[in-house]
Amino acid sequence: MEQKNPHGKGADAVLNLQPNSSISIAYHSLFGPHDDLVLLEVDEKLLEEVLHQRVSIRGQPEEDAVFCTKSKTYGIKYVGTSNSVLLIPPSGRSEYYTNELDSHQKDNSKEVAPVIKVAPGIMELHEIAPRIDKLKLLLSEEHYSFADEWENEAVDKYEKRMYNWDDLINKVQASDNELKAGLQALSAVEIDGYWRIVDEKYMDSMLQMLLHNRILNDWSLDALDEGVIMNVMKMDGFPEKLVQHCLHVYGDKLDEHEGKSCLWRLNEKRVCVHFAREVLRKGKMKLEHLMDEWRQKIPLGMCANFDMLEGEVLTERLGVETWVRGFRVCQLPSNPAERFTILFKERPKWEWKDLQPYIRDLTVPGLSSEGLLLKYTRRTQPNPEAEAVFSAR
């Protein structure tokens, strides 16, 4: 490499280089380590996102940074290279070319590409699952409860550990779309600009009042008028935003008609599971006791089916009796290693029919369900007809 710094055309000279031709290179006057410049390797699909500035780097100082597009999250890995990768600044950039001759090649000297840095490696991206468990942790710090409606509006939101959208995208390592999906999975609602999880007692109170008004007003469970419900529930002291949230959590919106209030149908499974959770808070009980109490709590017109509780309860045979207790998949970590650790602490051995509801929601880019089982479990099957049993690997 030449030590002098003749006039050059910058990166354009290399990009336009024809096959079987060559160009001289030289040290740029600003040549150095330039630790603020890092090479990032992306495929064609990601390149468009990068060029149009639709990507971001997310993570707190103590975390490994992740690379996010609008819909996906990528881990970042540094890979060293034995080849010399030369970085040549683009032409026409005044911070690199202060002399007009550098950019316009007005003298008769040979064409030269000035090197500003030798890169020892590149950053590679690999798609990963969003680190959404932190979202659950943040929103669990301050549930929305009856106390919120009694407090002065001037209460410091930061003291209450509440988070708006900008706070969440700065703290949670997930793409925007994945973050929205995480909020939906947690049944979070935006109240006064802050995302909150509503306390179970508050949700139970709203649902109970909705069902009570349904009986008083002879409403159909399959055609609840949103406007009518809002007016009635508002008179009972519930804010419209929370009533609408209740409908979203326990109901399904029907087709809207122009000029008319939309209709909702209560979702039988979601309503029944809500009341099953209430019964299961009492602790371990016989299956028949659960079913008896559960059926007494659910509204008329709905039918409780034990299959609804998949991923909600664990069963155990003690002699001729079956006992059940609450064990909710939604409260388990989304990280596969952590999930399987908890599962095998709970039970050293799992039959497939019991294990499946607790791992069905796990997603790891590039790894199938079978791959997850191979990585984290050991499968045993005494004979082809026997039920497969899974234990920790």
Protein backbone atom coordinates (compact mmCIF):
# COMPACT_ATOMS: atom_id res chain seq x y z
CA MET A 1 0.00 0.00 0.00
CA GLU A 2 1.30 3.42 -0.92
CA GLN A 3 2.11 5.72 2.00
CA LYS A 4 1.30 9.00 0.26
CA ASN A 5 -2.25 10.27 -0.14
CA PRO A 6 -2.82 11.27 -3.78
CA HIS A 7 -6.11 12.50 -5.01
CA GLY A 8 -8.80 9.77 -5.16
CA LYS A 9 -12.41 9.19 -6.06
CA GLY A 10 -13.36 7.32 -2.92
CA ALA A 11 -15.62 4.27 -2.77
CA ASP A 12 -17.24 5.04 -6.15
CA ALA A 13 -13.97 4.23 -7.90
CA VAL A 14 -14.02 0.71 -6.42
CA LEU A 15 -17.74 0.13 -6.92
CA ASN A 16 -17.43 0.98 -10.62
CA LEU A 17 -14.30 -1.11 -11.11
CA GLN A 18 -14.58 -3.34 -14.19
CA PRO A 19 -13.61 -7.06 -14.22
CA ASN A 20 -9.89 -7.79 -14.76
CA SER A 21 -8.99 -4.17 -13.98
CA SER A 22 -7.20 -2.72 -10.95
CA ILE A 23 -6.90 0.43 -8.89
CA SER A 24 -4.28 1.79 -6.56
CA ILE A 25 -5.03 2.26 -2.89
CA ALA A 26 -3.40 4.54 -0.32
CA TYR A 27 -3.71 5.48 3.32
CA HIS A 28 -6.19 8.31 3.83
CA SER A 29 -4.89 11.25 5.84
CA LEU A 30 -7.50 10.32 8.48
CA PHE A 31 -6.52 6.63 8.54
CA GLY A 32 -6.84 5.07 12.00
CA PRO A 33 -8.73 2.54 14.16
CA HIS A 34 -12.08 4.44 13.93
CA ASP A 35 -13.80 2.30 16.56
CA ASP A 36 -17.08 4.11 15.84
CA LEU A 37 -17.23 2.47 12.39
CA VAL A 38 -18.45 -1.15 12.32
CA LEU A 39 -19.28 -3.37 9.35
CA LEU A 40 -22.74 -4.95 9.41
CA GLU A 41 -23.64 -7.77 7.01
CA VAL A 42 -27.29 -7.90 5.91
CA ASP A 43 -29.21 -9.76 3.19
CA GLU A 44 -31.15 -8.05 0.40
CA LYS A 45 -34.43 -7.98 2.34
CA LEU A 46 -32.86 -6.34 5.37
CA LEU A 47 -30.81 -3.95 3.25
CA GLU A 48 -33.94 -2.13 2.11
CA GLU A 49 -35.05 -1.72 5.74
CA VAL A 50 -31.62 -0.34 6.68
CA LEU A 51 -31.37 2.07 3.74
CA HIS A 52 -34.83 3.49 4.51
CA GLN A 53 -33.98 3.84 8.22
CA ARG A 54 -36.71 1.46 9.37
CA VAL A 55 -34.50 -0.36 11.86
CA SER A 56 -33.28 0.27 15.40
CA ILE A 57 -30.80 -1.08 17.95
CA ARG A 58 -32.46 -1.84 21.29
CA GLY A 59 -31.21 -2.76 24.72
CA GLN A 60 -30.11 -1.30 28.02
CA PRO A 61 -26.37 -0.80 28.82
CA GLU A 62 -26.24 -4.07 30.79
CA GLU A 63 -27.89 -6.09 27.98
CA ASP A 64 -26.60 -7.54 24.71
CA ALA A 65 -27.95 -5.25 22.00
CA VAL A 66 -30.48 -6.54 19.45
CA PHE A 67 -31.29 -5.32 15.95
CA CYS A 68 -34.99 -4.72 15.26
CA THR A 69 -36.98 -4.20 12.08
CA LYS A 70 -40.69 -3.42 12.26
CA SER A 71 -41.63 -7.08 12.63
CA LYS A 72 -38.56 -9.11 13.66
CA THR A 73 -35.76 -9.18 16.22
CA TYR A 74 -32.16 -10.19 15.46
CA GLY A 75 -29.25 -11.06 17.68
CA ILE A 76 -25.94 -9.39 16.80
CA LYS A 77 -22.75 -11.45 16.68
CA TYR A 78 -19.23 -10.21 15.99
CA VAL A 79 -17.25 -12.46 13.63
CA GLY A 80 -13.54 -11.91 13.07
CA THR A 81 -12.02 -12.38 9.62
CA SER A 82 -8.53 -13.36 8.52
CA ASN A 83 -8.87 -11.30 5.31
CA SER A 84 -8.12 -7.59 5.24
CA VAL A 85 -11.35 -5.64 4.75
CA LEU A 86 -10.54 -2.10 3.66
CA LEU A 87 -13.01 0.70 4.32
CA ILE A 88 -13.01 3.47 1.73
CA PRO A 89 -15.18 6.55 2.42
CA PRO A 90 -17.70 7.65 -0.20
CA SER A 91 -16.67 10.43 -2.55
CA GLY A 92 -18.15 13.87 -2.20
CA ARG A 93 -18.14 13.84 1.63
CA SER A 94 -16.56 17.09 2.81
CA GLU A 95 -15.41 15.60 6.12
CA TYR A 96 -13.20 13.20 4.16
CA TYR A 97 -12.31 15.28 1.09
CA THR A 98 -11.53 18.91 1.85
CA ASN A 99 -9.67 19.45 -1.42
CA GLU A 100 -11.87 19.76 -4.50
CA LEU A 101 -9.33 17.70 -6.45
CA ASP A 102 -10.06 14.77 -4.18
CA SER A 103 -13.65 14.65 -5.37
CA HIS A 104 -13.42 15.84 -8.96
CA GLN A 105 -10.11 14.36 -10.12
CA LYS A 106 -9.11 17.57 -11.93
CA ASP A 107 -5.40 16.76 -12.01
CA ASN A 108 -3.79 14.14 -14.15
CA SER A 109 -2.63 11.85 -11.36
CA LYS A 110 -3.66 8.22 -11.37
CA GLU A 111 -6.92 7.12 -9.82
CA VAL A 112 -6.49 6.12 -6.16
CA ALA A 113 -8.86 4.80 -3.52
CA PRO A 114 -7.96 6.13 -0.03
CA VAL A 115 -8.38 3.64 2.84
CA ILE A 116 -9.60 5.08 6.11
CA LYS A 117 -9.67 1.85 8.19
CA VAL A 118 -8.86 -1.87 8.08
CA ALA A 119 -11.81 -3.78 9.60
CA PRO A 120 -10.80 -6.93 11.51
CA GLY A 121 -14.33 -8.42 11.37
CA ILE A 122 -18.03 -7.87 10.76
CA MET A 123 -21.29 -7.96 12.69
CA GLU A 124 -23.66 -10.75 11.65
CA LEU A 125 -27.39 -10.94 12.35
CA HIS A 126 -29.44 -14.02 13.27
CA GLU A 127 -33.16 -13.97 13.90
CA ILE A 128 -34.14 -14.59 17.52
CA ALA A 129 -37.35 -14.71 19.54
CA PRO A 130 -38.30 -11.34 21.07
CA ARG A 131 -37.25 -10.97 24.70
CA ILE A 132 -40.79 -10.35 25.79
CA ASP A 133 -40.54 -11.61 29.38
CA LYS A 134 -39.27 -8.19 30.45
CA LEU A 135 -42.53 -6.67 29.22
CA LYS A 136 -44.47 -8.93 31.56
CA LEU A 137 -42.14 -7.98 34.41
CA LEU A 138 -42.46 -4.23 33.80
CA LEU A 139 -46.25 -4.21 33.50
CA SER A 140 -46.63 -6.42 36.57
CA GLU A 141 -44.99 -3.77 38.74
CA GLU A 142 -48.13 -1.64 38.91
CA HIS A 143 -51.45 -3.27 38.00
CA TYR A 144 -54.44 -1.05 37.39
CA SER A 145 -56.83 -1.46 40.34
CA PHE A 146 -59.71 0.26 42.11
CA ALA A 147 -57.13 2.38 43.94
CA ASP A 148 -56.18 4.09 40.65
CA GLU A 149 -59.64 5.61 40.36
CA TRP A 150 -59.43 7.11 43.85
CA GLU A 151 -56.00 8.69 43.44
CA ASN A 152 -55.29 12.27 42.51
CA GLU A 153 -54.49 12.72 38.80
CA ALA A 154 -51.30 14.56 39.77
CA VAL A 155 -49.67 11.40 41.16
CA ASP A 156 -46.19 11.02 39.65
CA LYS A 157 -46.42 8.35 36.94
CA TYR A 158 -42.73 7.50 37.30
CA GLU A 159 -43.11 6.89 41.02
CA LYS A 160 -45.90 4.47 40.17
CA ARG A 161 -43.64 2.63 37.74
CA MET A 162 -45.85 3.07 34.70
CA TYR A 163 -44.68 2.94 31.09
CA ASN A 164 -45.84 4.53 27.86
CA TRP A 165 -45.07 3.18 24.38
CA ASP A 166 -41.73 5.01 24.08
CA ASP A 167 -40.65 3.67 27.47
CA LEU A 168 -41.44 0.12 26.39
CA ILE A 169 -39.60 0.23 23.07
CA ASN A 170 -36.56 1.57 24.91
CA LYS A 171 -36.65 -1.11 27.58
CA VAL A 172 -37.99 -4.24 25.83
CA GLN A 173 -35.90 -5.98 23.17
CA ALA A 174 -38.56 -6.69 20.59
CA SER A 175 -39.73 -5.25 17.29
CA ASP A 176 -42.75 -2.95 17.26
CA ASN A 177 -45.06 -5.68 15.92
CA GLU A 178 -43.76 -8.24 18.42
CA LEU A 179 -44.20 -5.75 21.24
CA LYS A 180 -47.81 -5.11 20.19
CA ALA A 181 -48.44 -8.87 20.10
CA GLY A 182 -46.90 -9.18 23.57
CA LEU A 183 -49.19 -6.46 24.94
CA GLN A 184 -52.18 -8.24 23.43
CA ALA A 185 -51.13 -11.60 24.90
CA LEU A 186 -50.91 -9.97 28.34
CA SER A 187 -54.35 -8.35 27.88
CA ALA A 188 -52.73 -4.98 28.50
CA VAL A 189 -54.65 -1.77 27.87
CA GLU A 190 -53.48 1.81 27.28
CA ILE A 191 -54.91 4.11 29.95
CA ASP A 192 -54.06 7.83 29.90
CA GLY A 193 -51.09 7.07 27.64
CA TYR A 194 -49.65 4.30 29.84
CA TRP A 195 -49.85 0.55 29.20
CA ARG A 196 -51.34 -1.33 32.14
CA ILE A 197 -52.40 -4.84 33.14
CA VAL A 198 -55.75 -4.64 34.91
CA ASP A 199 -55.94 -6.31 38.32
CA GLU A 200 -57.82 -9.64 38.34
CA LYS A 201 -60.22 -8.42 41.05
CA TYR A 202 -61.09 -5.38 38.96
CA MET A 203 -61.65 -7.54 35.86
CA ASP A 204 -63.80 -9.93 37.89
CA SER A 205 -65.88 -7.05 39.22
CA MET A 206 -66.50 -5.71 35.69
CA LEU A 207 -67.42 -9.11 34.28
CA GLN A 208 -69.74 -9.85 37.21
CA MET A 209 -71.47 -6.50 36.76
CA LEU A 210 -71.79 -7.07 33.01
CA LEU A 211 -73.41 -10.47 33.59
CA HIS A 212 -75.65 -9.02 36.30
CA ASN A 213 -76.85 -6.28 33.95
CA ARG A 214 -77.35 -8.85 31.25
CA ILE A 215 -79.91 -10.63 33.46
CA LEU A 216 -81.60 -7.41 34.58
CA ASN A 217 -81.92 -6.12 31.02
CA ASP A 218 -82.47 -9.46 29.34
CA TRP A 219 -79.45 -9.03 27.03
CA SER A 220 -78.40 -11.84 24.73
CA LEU A 221 -74.89 -13.24 25.31
CA ASP A 222 -74.54 -13.41 21.52
CA ALA A 223 -75.56 -9.83 20.72
CA LEU A 224 -74.37 -7.31 23.31
CA ASP A 225 -74.77 -3.71 22.11
CA GLU A 226 -71.57 -1.81 22.93
CA GLY A 227 -73.27 1.58 23.21
CA VAL A 228 -75.96 0.30 25.59
CA ILE A 229 -73.40 -1.53 27.72
CA MET A 230 -71.20 1.57 27.95
CA ASN A 231 -74.06 3.69 29.24
CA VAL A 232 -75.21 1.14 31.80
CA MET A 233 -71.72 0.24 33.07
CA LYS A 234 -70.76 3.92 33.27
CA MET A 235 -73.67 4.43 35.64
CA ASP A 236 -72.20 1.59 37.74
CA GLY A 237 -68.96 3.54 38.07
CA PHE A 238 -66.75 1.89 35.43
CA PRO A 239 -64.82 4.08 32.93
CA GLU A 240 -65.65 3.51 29.26
CA LYS A 241 -62.04 2.58 28.46
CA LEU A 242 -62.12 -0.24 30.99
CA VAL A 243 -65.55 -1.48 29.89
CA GLN A 244 -64.35 -1.67 26.31
CA HIS A 245 -61.27 -3.55 27.53
CA CYS A 246 -63.54 -6.01 29.34
CA LEU A 247 -65.40 -6.66 26.08
CA HIS A 248 -62.12 -7.24 24.23
CA VAL A 249 -60.87 -9.69 26.88
CA TYR A 250 -64.06 -11.74 27.26
CA GLY A 251 -65.83 -11.18 23.97
CA ASP A 252 -65.56 -11.22 20.19
CA LYS A 253 -66.62 -8.23 18.11
CA LEU A 254 -69.27 -8.97 15.49
CA ASP A 255 -69.67 -7.16 12.17
CA GLU A 256 -70.11 -3.42 12.55
CA HIS A 257 -72.94 -1.62 10.78
CA GLU A 258 -72.53 1.94 9.62
CA GLY A 259 -74.26 4.38 11.90
CA LYS A 260 -74.97 1.73 14.52
CA SER A 261 -73.19 0.66 17.68
CA CYS A 262 -71.16 -2.52 17.19
CA LEU A 263 -72.26 -5.83 18.71
CA TRP A 264 -70.26 -8.25 20.83
CA ARG A 265 -70.61 -11.95 21.61
CA LEU A 266 -69.23 -13.22 24.92
CA ASN A 267 -66.62 -15.91 24.29
CA GLU A 268 -67.72 -19.02 26.17
CA LYS A 269 -64.25 -20.44 26.73
CA ARG A 270 -62.69 -17.18 27.96
CA VAL A 271 -65.55 -16.48 30.36
CA CYS A 272 -65.53 -20.04 31.70
CA VAL A 273 -61.75 -20.06 32.17
CA HIS A 274 -62.02 -16.82 34.14
CA PHE A 275 -64.34 -18.47 36.67
CA ALA A 276 -62.25 -21.65 36.76
CA ARG A 277 -59.20 -19.58 37.75
CA GLU A 278 -61.25 -18.05 40.55
CA VAL A 279 -62.08 -21.51 41.93
CA LEU A 280 -58.50 -22.76 41.49
CA ARG A 281 -57.13 -19.96 43.70
CA LYS A 282 -58.30 -22.06 46.65
CA GLY A 283 -55.50 -24.54 45.90
CA LYS A 284 -55.36 -28.23 45.15
CA MET A 285 -58.78 -29.97 45.06
CA LYS A 286 -60.57 -33.01 43.77
CA LEU A 287 -61.64 -32.82 40.14
CA GLU A 288 -65.33 -33.31 40.96
CA HIS A 289 -65.20 -30.46 43.48
CA LEU A 290 -63.69 -28.15 40.86
CA MET A 291 -66.36 -29.06 38.32
CA ASP A 292 -69.19 -28.55 40.83
CA GLU A 293 -68.02 -25.10 41.96
CA TRP A 294 -67.12 -24.08 38.44
CA ARG A 295 -70.55 -24.91 37.00
CA GLN A 296 -72.21 -22.91 39.75
CA LYS A 297 -70.23 -19.79 38.85
CA ILE A 298 -70.54 -19.68 35.07
CA PRO A 299 -73.47 -17.73 33.56
CA LEU A 300 -76.63 -19.45 32.37
CA GLY A 301 -76.38 -20.45 28.74
CA MET A 302 -72.71 -21.44 28.97
CA CYS A 303 -71.28 -24.92 29.46
CA ALA A 304 -68.09 -25.70 31.40
CA ASN A 305 -65.88 -28.33 29.79
CA PHE A 306 -62.68 -29.60 31.42
CA ASP A 307 -60.93 -29.47 28.02
CA MET A 308 -61.15 -25.67 28.28
CA LEU A 309 -58.54 -25.80 31.05
CA GLU A 310 -55.71 -27.10 28.88
CA GLY A 311 -52.62 -25.15 29.92
CA GLU A 312 -54.42 -23.95 33.06
CA VAL A 313 -54.32 -26.97 35.41
CA LEU A 314 -52.28 -30.04 36.23
CA THR A 315 -53.98 -33.31 37.19
CA GLU A 316 -52.68 -35.99 39.52
CA ARG A 317 -54.02 -39.47 40.24
CA LEU A 318 -54.06 -40.42 43.93
CA GLY A 319 -55.54 -43.90 44.19
CA VAL A 320 -58.93 -43.82 42.47
CA GLU A 321 -59.26 -40.03 42.77
CA THR A 322 -58.10 -37.28 40.41
CA TRP A 323 -56.81 -34.05 41.94
CA VAL A 324 -56.22 -30.76 40.13
CA ARG A 325 -54.37 -27.51 40.83
CA GLY A 326 -53.73 -24.35 38.90
CA PHE A 327 -50.61 -24.16 36.73
CA ARG A 328 -50.93 -21.52 34.02
CA VAL A 329 -48.81 -21.50 30.88
CA CYS A 330 -49.24 -17.71 30.56
CA GLN A 331 -47.22 -17.28 33.77
CA LEU A 332 -44.23 -19.26 32.49
CA PRO A 333 -41.16 -17.61 30.88
CA SER A 334 -40.98 -17.48 27.08
CA ASN A 335 -37.30 -18.42 27.08
CA PRO A 336 -37.18 -22.16 26.20
CA ALA A 337 -34.32 -23.04 28.56
CA GLU A 338 -36.02 -21.31 31.49
CA ARG A 339 -39.41 -22.80 30.55
CA PHE A 340 -38.14 -26.40 30.50
CA THR A 341 -36.21 -25.87 33.75
CA ILE A 342 -39.43 -24.85 35.52
CA LEU A 343 -41.43 -27.65 33.93
CA PHE A 344 -38.99 -30.35 35.05
CA LYS A 345 -38.82 -28.88 38.55
CA GLU A 346 -42.58 -29.17 38.62
CA ARG A 347 -42.51 -32.75 37.31
CA PRO A 348 -39.40 -34.81 36.55
CA LYS A 349 -41.34 -36.75 33.90
CA TRP A 350 -44.09 -35.59 31.55
CA GLU A 351 -46.41 -37.49 29.24
CA TRP A 352 -46.84 -35.80 25.88
CA LYS A 353 -50.53 -34.97 26.37
CA ASP A 354 -49.63 -33.08 29.57
CA LEU A 355 -46.46 -31.43 28.24
CA GLN A 356 -47.78 -30.17 24.90
CA PRO A 357 -50.02 -27.37 26.26
CA TYR A 358 -47.04 -25.93 28.12
CA ILE A 359 -44.64 -25.73 25.17
CA ARG A 360 -46.99 -25.14 22.24
CA ASP A 361 -46.49 -21.38 22.37
CA LEU A 362 -42.68 -21.54 22.37
CA THR A 363 -41.18 -20.16 19.16
CA VAL A 364 -37.49 -20.16 18.29
CA PRO A 365 -36.61 -19.00 14.75
CA GLY A 366 -35.01 -21.84 12.81
CA LEU A 367 -35.96 -24.49 15.38
CA SER A 368 -39.09 -26.66 15.07
CA SER A 369 -41.11 -28.13 17.95
CA GLU A 370 -39.31 -31.42 17.42
CA GLY A 371 -35.99 -29.58 17.54
CA LEU A 372 -36.94 -27.99 20.87
CA LEU A 373 -37.78 -31.39 22.32
CA LEU A 374 -34.50 -32.88 21.09
CA LYS A 375 -32.53 -29.99 22.58
CA TYR A 376 -34.14 -29.84 26.01
CA THR A 377 -35.71 -33.25 26.70
CA ARG A 378 -34.98 -36.94 26.67
CA ARG A 379 -37.73 -39.15 25.25
CA THR A 380 -38.38 -42.68 26.50
CA GLN A 381 -40.93 -45.16 25.19
CA PRO A 382 -40.87 -48.75 26.51
CA ASN A 383 -42.75 -50.04 23.46
CA PRO A 384 -44.39 -48.59 20.32
CA GLU A 385 -47.85 -48.71 21.91
CA ALA A 386 -46.81 -46.96 25.14
CA GLU A 387 -47.21 -43.24 25.77
CA ALA A 388 -43.96 -41.31 25.23
CA VAL A 389 -42.46 -39.85 28.41
CA PHE A 390 -40.18 -36.77 28.45
CA SER A 391 -37.55 -35.97 31.08
CA ALA A 392 -34.79 -33.37 31.35
CA ARG A 393 -31.78 -33.83 29.08
